[in-house]
Amino acid sequence: MPKRLTVVVSQGQSNNPAKRKLEEDIVAALLFEPGIEVTIVPHLYDLKNDGPGMLGLQAITTDFVVLSWLYERATRWTLDRNNIRGKAGTSLLVHESDEDEDDLLDEPEDSDKLRVLDSRPIPNRMIYCVDLRVSNKLEDYVDEVKRIHREISTQVVELGGLGGSPSPTPQQLARVAIPTNDTALKEGGELEKPIDIIEPLRIEEDAKRRWYPVIDYSRCTNCMECIDFCLFGVYGVDGVETILVEMPDNCRKGCPACSRVCPENAIIFPQHKTPTIAGSDEVAGGGLKIDLSQLFGKPKEDDKSIDTAVRERDEQLLLAGREAVGTNVGVPKRQADNDDREKDELDNLIDAVDELDI
């Protein structure tokens, strides 16, 4: 008997017909898969922590897969901030740029730092996150869900429900007479046995578009640079002095400044246009990327630039009717100390390019 797997389909923010069709086709294709239950929620990032969407997801106790229009990291840590946790399952359906990431990036020198996740207990269940932007082919997602289902079903589990098989909830179970490969028709069109089909559970919520940071605790070292830099009361600490996003809706829409000052690339803004800020693993672990377009006059917009972060913060302060503070408040000491270090060959190369004024 296969282990039960819940598949959560997080809908796109818009009513784009192509996206809606892909979502509904995935749901329809999975309805006839034994052991799979499907739940549909509005866009994961927009759900309120105490709304029906998150409460419904918090009620899931099985292993589950989340299909959303977000990078895998953004999905995983959006769930985590709402106390939905589990062991990270690995999806084979990834963006092409992520496939060879481990080969391209060296292990960071400070990989032995203590991360917040190292001190947190993890529930004994698997959570797989899949980005719906990876492919526009229905079969890619259906095949990946089936592969994950086979993978978790091979694990030793404690069986539950009648006769050791998983039992669906009453509101989800619908008994219908539809012939499949497992059920033959008798003469006269009568079924030899009824088939249990699990109807999708649709959770409705009036989810408005939101903008707030999400912390990747597998990278966060609790350095507190974000709380020092942000002047809008977004961050706070819990009972054991661990950084958290305490007042997410205090965040200024469109401002990702705190993510740029985070030394561990641990702060994600899932809706940002820059992949590395939105949760992509392209430069995971502090890998170095050089944008050659900078050499040909493109304005500097480095996703880790302290100058960009200060400018973005000052813009939001002015829009809020407050005074700009520049680098006088909350600029990380590690940035202030940079000028005291002896320049290396890379510094000299950058200075030489700057002098070209192109």
Protein backbone atom coordinates (compact mmCIF):
# COMPACT_ATOMS: atom_id res chain seq x y z
CA MET A 1 0.00 0.00 0.00
CA PRO A 2 1.57 3.34 -1.03
CA LYS A 3 2.21 5.94 1.63
CA ARG A 4 -0.14 8.92 1.59
CA LEU A 5 1.20 12.07 -0.07
CA THR A 6 -0.48 15.47 -0.07
CA VAL A 7 0.09 17.68 -3.11
CA VAL A 8 -0.50 21.39 -2.57
CA VAL A 9 -1.06 23.51 -5.68
CA SER A 10 -0.47 27.19 -4.94
CA GLN A 11 -2.24 29.29 -7.54
CA GLY A 12 -0.63 32.17 -9.40
CA GLN A 13 -1.40 35.74 -8.36
CA SER A 14 -2.98 36.63 -11.69
CA ASN A 15 -5.74 34.92 -13.65
CA ASN A 16 -3.37 34.15 -16.49
CA PRO A 17 -5.25 31.48 -18.49
CA ALA A 18 -2.11 29.46 -19.29
CA LYS A 19 -1.15 29.30 -15.61
CA ARG A 20 -4.67 28.42 -14.52
CA LYS A 21 -4.89 25.67 -17.13
CA LEU A 22 -1.59 24.15 -16.01
CA GLU A 23 -2.72 24.22 -12.37
CA GLU A 24 -6.08 22.61 -13.12
CA ASP A 25 -4.56 20.03 -15.47
CA ILE A 26 -2.12 18.98 -12.74
CA VAL A 27 -4.98 18.62 -10.26
CA ALA A 28 -7.07 16.58 -12.71
CA ALA A 29 -4.15 14.30 -13.58
CA LEU A 30 -3.42 13.52 -9.93
CA LEU A 31 -7.00 12.77 -8.85
CA PHE A 32 -6.79 9.14 -9.99
CA GLU A 33 -3.42 8.47 -8.35
CA PRO A 34 -3.87 6.15 -5.33
CA GLY A 35 -2.51 7.55 -2.10
CA ILE A 36 -2.35 11.15 -3.37
CA GLU A 37 -4.55 13.93 -1.99
CA VAL A 38 -4.65 17.36 -3.62
CA THR A 39 -5.16 20.69 -1.89
CA ILE A 40 -5.51 23.98 -3.78
CA VAL A 41 -4.71 27.31 -2.11
CA PRO A 42 -4.27 30.89 -3.32
CA HIS A 43 -0.73 32.18 -3.88
CA LEU A 44 1.36 30.90 -0.96
CA TYR A 45 3.27 34.15 -0.36
CA ASP A 46 0.07 36.19 -0.04
CA LEU A 47 -1.62 33.99 2.58
CA LYS A 48 -2.10 35.45 6.06
CA ASN A 49 -0.49 33.46 8.85
CA ASP A 50 -3.86 33.12 10.62
CA GLY A 51 -6.01 32.79 7.50
CA PRO A 52 -7.76 29.65 6.25
CA GLY A 53 -5.01 28.92 3.71
CA MET A 54 -2.15 28.66 6.20
CA LEU A 55 -4.34 27.01 8.82
CA GLY A 56 -5.27 24.39 6.24
CA LEU A 57 -1.62 23.77 5.38
CA GLN A 58 -0.68 23.60 9.06
CA ALA A 59 -3.24 20.82 9.46
CA ILE A 60 -1.38 18.60 6.98
CA THR A 61 0.55 15.95 8.89
CA THR A 62 1.73 13.81 5.98
CA ASP A 63 4.69 14.21 3.65
CA PHE A 64 3.75 16.75 1.01
CA VAL A 65 4.73 18.45 -2.22
CA VAL A 66 4.13 22.14 -2.87
CA LEU A 67 3.81 23.29 -6.47
CA SER A 68 4.05 27.09 -6.58
CA TRP A 69 5.13 29.96 -8.82
CA LEU A 70 8.16 30.64 -6.62
CA TYR A 71 11.74 29.50 -6.33
CA GLU A 72 12.16 26.41 -4.16
CA ARG A 73 13.94 28.34 -1.37
CA ALA A 74 11.24 31.00 -1.32
CA THR A 75 8.52 28.36 -0.96
CA ARG A 76 10.34 26.40 1.72
CA TRP A 77 11.05 29.38 3.97
CA THR A 78 7.64 30.96 3.43
CA LEU A 79 6.23 27.73 4.84
CA ASP A 80 8.77 27.75 7.66
CA ARG A 81 7.83 31.24 8.85
CA ASN A 82 4.31 29.89 9.26
CA ASN A 83 5.51 26.92 11.34
CA ILE A 84 5.13 24.42 8.50
CA ARG A 85 8.34 22.42 8.63
CA GLY A 86 9.87 19.13 7.63
CA LYS A 87 12.96 17.58 6.13
CA ALA A 88 13.87 19.11 2.78
CA GLY A 89 13.08 16.76 -0.07
CA THR A 90 15.04 17.10 -3.31
CA SER A 91 13.10 17.69 -6.51
CA LEU A 92 14.66 16.67 -9.81
CA LEU A 93 12.61 19.30 -11.63
CA VAL A 94 14.79 22.42 -11.40
CA HIS A 95 15.78 25.45 -13.43
CA GLU A 96 18.60 24.73 -15.89
CA SER A 97 20.86 27.32 -14.27
CA ASP A 98 20.64 25.41 -10.95
CA GLU A 99 21.53 21.96 -12.30
CA ASP A 100 25.31 22.40 -12.32
CA GLU A 101 25.45 24.76 -9.35
CA ASP A 102 27.44 22.44 -7.12
CA ASP A 103 30.07 22.03 -9.82
CA LEU A 104 30.42 25.76 -10.44
CA LEU A 105 30.58 27.07 -6.88
CA ASP A 106 33.25 26.29 -4.30
CA GLU A 107 32.35 25.57 -0.69
CA PRO A 108 32.50 28.89 1.22
CA GLU A 109 35.42 29.26 3.62
CA ASP A 110 33.07 30.00 6.53
CA SER A 111 30.89 26.92 5.99
CA ASP A 112 31.56 25.89 9.60
CA LYS A 113 29.57 28.85 10.93
CA LEU A 114 26.65 27.98 13.20
CA ARG A 115 23.40 28.47 11.32
CA VAL A 116 20.05 29.03 13.02
CA LEU A 117 18.70 25.83 11.47
CA ASP A 118 21.42 23.80 13.22
CA SER A 119 19.79 24.39 16.60
CA ARG A 120 16.18 23.80 15.55
CA PRO A 121 14.32 20.46 15.70
CA ILE A 122 12.91 19.26 12.36
CA PRO A 123 9.69 17.22 12.19
CA ASN A 124 10.07 13.70 10.81
CA ARG A 125 8.33 14.24 7.49
CA MET A 126 9.38 15.28 4.00
CA ILE A 127 8.49 18.51 2.23
CA TYR A 128 9.25 18.87 -1.48
CA CYS A 129 9.02 22.27 -3.19
CA VAL A 130 8.64 22.53 -6.97
CA ASP A 131 8.68 25.73 -9.03
CA LEU A 132 5.86 25.80 -11.59
CA ARG A 133 7.96 28.09 -13.81
CA VAL A 134 10.47 25.36 -14.59
CA SER A 135 8.38 23.82 -17.37
CA ASN A 136 5.10 24.38 -19.21
CA LYS A 137 4.59 20.65 -19.74
CA LEU A 138 1.95 18.93 -17.63
CA GLU A 139 3.69 15.56 -17.76
CA ASP A 140 6.86 16.97 -16.18
CA TYR A 141 5.02 17.83 -12.97
CA VAL A 142 2.86 14.71 -12.89
CA ASP A 143 5.90 12.47 -13.42
CA GLU A 144 7.84 14.30 -10.70
CA VAL A 145 5.00 13.93 -8.18
CA LYS A 146 4.75 10.22 -9.00
CA ARG A 147 8.51 9.84 -8.57
CA ILE A 148 8.36 11.57 -5.17
CA HIS A 149 5.43 9.36 -4.16
CA ARG A 150 7.42 6.24 -5.04
CA GLU A 151 10.41 7.61 -3.14
CA ILE A 152 8.56 8.23 0.13
CA SER A 153 6.63 4.97 -0.20
CA THR A 154 9.87 3.01 -0.05
CA GLN A 155 10.61 4.45 3.38
CA VAL A 156 9.67 2.47 6.47
CA VAL A 157 6.54 4.08 7.91
CA GLU A 158 4.03 3.37 10.62
CA LEU A 159 0.80 2.44 8.87
CA GLY A 160 -2.45 4.02 9.98
CA GLY A 161 -6.12 3.84 9.11
CA LEU A 162 -8.31 0.83 8.58
CA GLY A 163 -6.37 -2.30 7.72
CA GLY A 164 -3.07 -0.42 7.81
CA SER A 165 -3.95 1.79 4.83
CA PRO A 166 -4.26 5.59 4.96
CA SER A 167 -7.82 6.82 5.42
CA PRO A 168 -8.89 10.10 3.75
CA THR A 169 -10.84 12.74 5.58
CA PRO A 170 -14.65 12.56 5.20
CA GLN A 171 -14.91 15.91 3.43
CA GLN A 172 -12.41 14.79 0.78
CA LEU A 173 -13.62 11.28 0.02
CA ALA A 174 -16.07 10.87 -2.85
CA ARG A 175 -17.28 7.49 -4.03
CA VAL A 176 -17.79 7.48 -7.78
CA ALA A 177 -18.33 4.84 -10.43
CA ILE A 178 -15.61 5.46 -13.00
CA PRO A 179 -13.84 2.52 -14.65
CA THR A 180 -10.05 2.54 -14.55
CA ASN A 181 -7.32 0.02 -15.23
CA ASP A 182 -7.91 -1.39 -11.73
CA THR A 183 -11.67 -1.87 -12.10
CA ALA A 184 -13.42 -3.94 -14.75
CA LEU A 185 -16.97 -3.55 -15.99
CA LYS A 186 -19.39 -6.45 -15.71
CA GLU A 187 -21.87 -7.20 -18.43
CA GLY A 188 -24.50 -4.49 -18.54
CA GLY A 189 -22.05 -1.77 -17.47
CA GLU A 190 -22.07 -2.49 -13.74
CA LEU A 191 -18.75 -2.04 -11.91
CA GLU A 192 -17.21 -5.05 -10.19
CA LYS A 193 -16.24 -2.75 -7.30
CA PRO A 194 -16.60 0.94 -6.46
CA ILE A 195 -13.57 3.20 -6.69
CA ASP A 196 -12.54 5.73 -4.06
CA ILE A 197 -11.48 9.00 -5.69
CA ILE A 198 -10.02 11.74 -3.54
CA GLU A 199 -11.58 15.08 -4.51
CA PRO A 200 -9.28 18.11 -4.35
CA LEU A 201 -9.70 20.30 -1.30
CA ARG A 202 -10.01 23.94 -2.38
CA ILE A 203 -9.25 26.47 0.32
CA GLU A 204 -10.63 29.92 -0.44
CA GLU A 205 -9.10 33.10 0.96
CA ASP A 206 -9.27 36.74 -0.05
CA ALA A 207 -5.50 36.94 -0.42
CA LYS A 208 -4.18 40.39 -1.36
CA ARG A 209 -0.71 40.82 -2.82
CA ARG A 210 1.92 41.26 -0.15
CA TRP A 211 5.59 42.25 0.15
CA TYR A 212 7.78 41.11 3.04
CA PRO A 213 11.12 39.36 3.66
CA VAL A 214 11.51 35.65 4.30
CA ILE A 215 14.53 34.33 6.21
CA ASP A 216 16.43 31.24 5.05
CA TYR A 217 17.53 29.81 8.41
CA SER A 218 19.81 27.28 6.74
CA ARG A 219 22.04 30.28 5.95
CA CYS A 220 21.18 32.77 8.70
CA THR A 221 23.80 33.12 11.45
CA ASN A 222 21.65 35.44 13.60
CA CYS A 223 24.10 38.32 13.10
CA MET A 224 21.27 40.89 13.47
CA GLU A 225 22.54 43.14 10.67
CA CYS A 226 19.06 43.16 9.10
CA ILE A 227 17.35 44.41 12.25
CA ASP A 228 20.00 47.12 12.63
CA PHE A 229 19.58 48.25 9.03
CA CYS A 230 15.78 48.15 8.67
CA LEU A 231 14.12 51.24 10.13
CA PHE A 232 10.50 50.16 9.60
CA GLY A 233 10.07 47.71 12.47
CA VAL A 234 9.85 44.62 10.26
CA TYR A 235 12.27 42.47 12.26
CA GLY A 236 12.21 41.29 15.85
CA VAL A 237 13.53 38.44 18.00
CA ASP A 238 11.82 35.46 19.58
CA GLY A 239 12.12 34.16 23.13
CA VAL A 240 15.61 32.77 22.52
CA GLU A 241 16.87 35.92 20.77
CA THR A 242 16.63 34.51 17.25
CA ILE A 243 15.92 36.97 14.45
CA LEU A 244 12.48 36.76 12.86
CA VAL A 245 10.17 38.73 10.58
CA GLU A 246 7.88 40.03 13.30
CA MET A 247 5.80 42.65 11.46
CA PRO A 248 5.89 41.60 7.79
CA ASP A 249 3.31 44.12 6.62
CA ASN A 250 5.45 46.99 7.92
CA CYS A 251 7.79 46.31 5.01
CA ARG A 252 7.84 48.94 2.28
CA LYS A 253 6.55 47.51 -1.00
CA GLY A 254 9.32 47.01 -3.53
CA CYS A 255 12.18 47.61 -1.08
CA PRO A 256 14.68 44.73 -0.75
CA ALA A 257 17.41 46.78 0.95
CA CYS A 258 17.89 44.50 3.97
CA SER A 259 18.58 41.53 1.69
CA ARG A 260 21.51 43.39 0.16
CA VAL A 261 23.25 43.90 3.50
CA CYS A 262 22.78 40.31 4.71
CA PRO A 263 26.28 38.76 4.69
CA GLU A 264 24.91 35.23 4.23
CA ASN A 265 22.39 35.81 1.39
CA ALA A 266 19.75 34.59 3.85
CA ILE A 267 17.00 37.14 3.21
CA ILE A 268 14.56 36.42 0.38
CA PHE A 269 11.98 38.66 -1.27
CA PRO A 270 10.06 36.08 -3.34
CA GLN A 271 8.50 38.66 -5.68
CA HIS A 272 11.68 40.59 -6.51
CA LYS A 273 12.78 40.70 -10.15
CA THR A 274 16.39 39.78 -9.29
CA PRO A 275 16.63 35.95 -9.04
CA THR A 276 19.23 35.91 -6.27
CA ILE A 277 17.02 38.12 -4.07
CA ALA A 278 13.87 36.19 -5.03
CA GLY A 279 15.34 32.88 -3.82
CA SER A 280 17.35 31.46 -6.70
CA ASP A 281 20.44 29.47 -5.76
CA GLU A 282 22.54 30.94 -8.60
CA VAL A 283 25.10 32.46 -6.23
CA ALA A 284 24.48 30.27 -3.20
CA GLY A 285 27.07 30.44 -0.46
CA GLY A 286 28.49 33.77 -1.57
CA GLY A 287 29.68 32.71 -5.02
CA LEU A 288 31.17 35.51 -7.15
CA LYS A 289 29.47 36.62 -10.34
CA ILE A 290 30.74 39.44 -12.56
CA ASP A 291 28.22 41.33 -14.71
CA LEU A 292 30.19 42.37 -17.80
CA SER A 293 27.45 44.82 -18.77
CA GLN A 294 28.75 47.02 -15.95
CA LEU A 295 31.86 47.59 -18.08
CA PHE A 296 29.76 49.15 -20.82
CA GLY A 297 27.92 51.85 -18.94
CA LYS A 298 25.09 49.96 -17.23
CA PRO A 299 24.16 51.68 -13.92
CA LYS A 300 25.42 49.80 -10.90
CA GLU A 301 22.62 47.65 -9.40
CA ASP A 302 24.53 44.95 -7.54
CA ASP A 303 22.22 42.78 -5.46
CA LYS A 304 24.76 42.97 -2.61
CA SER A 305 25.70 46.65 -3.00
CA ILE A 306 25.60 48.64 0.25
CA ASP A 307 25.21 51.82 -1.80
CA THR A 308 22.10 50.44 -3.49
CA ALA A 309 20.68 49.31 -0.15
CA VAL A 310 21.22 52.72 1.45
CA ARG A 311 19.63 54.48 -1.54
CA GLU A 312 16.59 52.17 -1.46
CA ARG A 313 16.14 52.67 2.27
CA ASP A 314 16.45 56.46 2.00
CA GLU A 315 13.85 56.52 -0.79
CA GLN A 316 11.38 54.64 1.40
CA LEU A 317 12.08 56.86 4.40
CA LEU A 318 11.31 59.95 2.33
CA LEU A 319 8.14 58.38 0.94
CA ALA A 320 7.07 57.68 4.53
CA GLY A 321 7.61 61.35 5.45
CA ARG A 322 10.81 60.70 7.37
CA GLU A 323 14.36 61.95 6.93
CA ALA A 324 16.98 60.10 4.91
CA VAL A 325 19.83 58.78 7.05
CA GLY A 326 22.36 57.60 4.46
CA THR A 327 25.17 55.50 5.89
CA ASN A 328 24.86 57.03 9.37
CA VAL A 329 22.46 54.34 10.65
CA GLY A 330 22.65 50.58 10.54
CA VAL A 331 25.43 50.17 7.98
CA PRO A 332 27.14 46.88 8.83
CA LYS A 333 30.54 47.19 10.46
CA ARG A 334 31.93 44.71 7.96
CA GLN A 335 31.21 47.26 5.23
CA ALA A 336 32.70 50.16 7.17
CA ASP A 337 35.88 48.20 7.74
CA ASN A 338 36.41 47.41 4.07
CA ASP A 339 38.52 50.51 3.42
CA ASP A 340 41.00 49.50 6.15
CA ARG A 341 41.94 46.28 4.39
CA GLU A 342 44.92 46.03 2.09
CA LYS A 343 43.74 45.95 -1.52
CA ASP A 344 44.21 42.74 -3.49
CA GLU A 345 44.48 42.17 -7.24
CA LEU A 346 40.69 42.16 -7.71
CA ASP A 347 40.38 45.52 -5.95
CA ASN A 348 43.09 46.97 -8.20
CA LEU A 349 41.33 45.60 -11.29
CA ILE A 350 38.02 47.17 -10.26
CA ASP A 351 39.75 50.51 -9.56
CA ALA A 352 41.34 50.39 -13.00
CA VAL A 353 37.98 49.78 -14.66
CA ASP A 354 36.43 52.65 -12.67
CA GLU A 355 39.14 55.00 -13.90
CA LEU A 356 38.16 54.23 -17.50
CA ASP A 357 34.84 56.01 -16.86
CA ILE A 358 32.96 53.97 -19.49
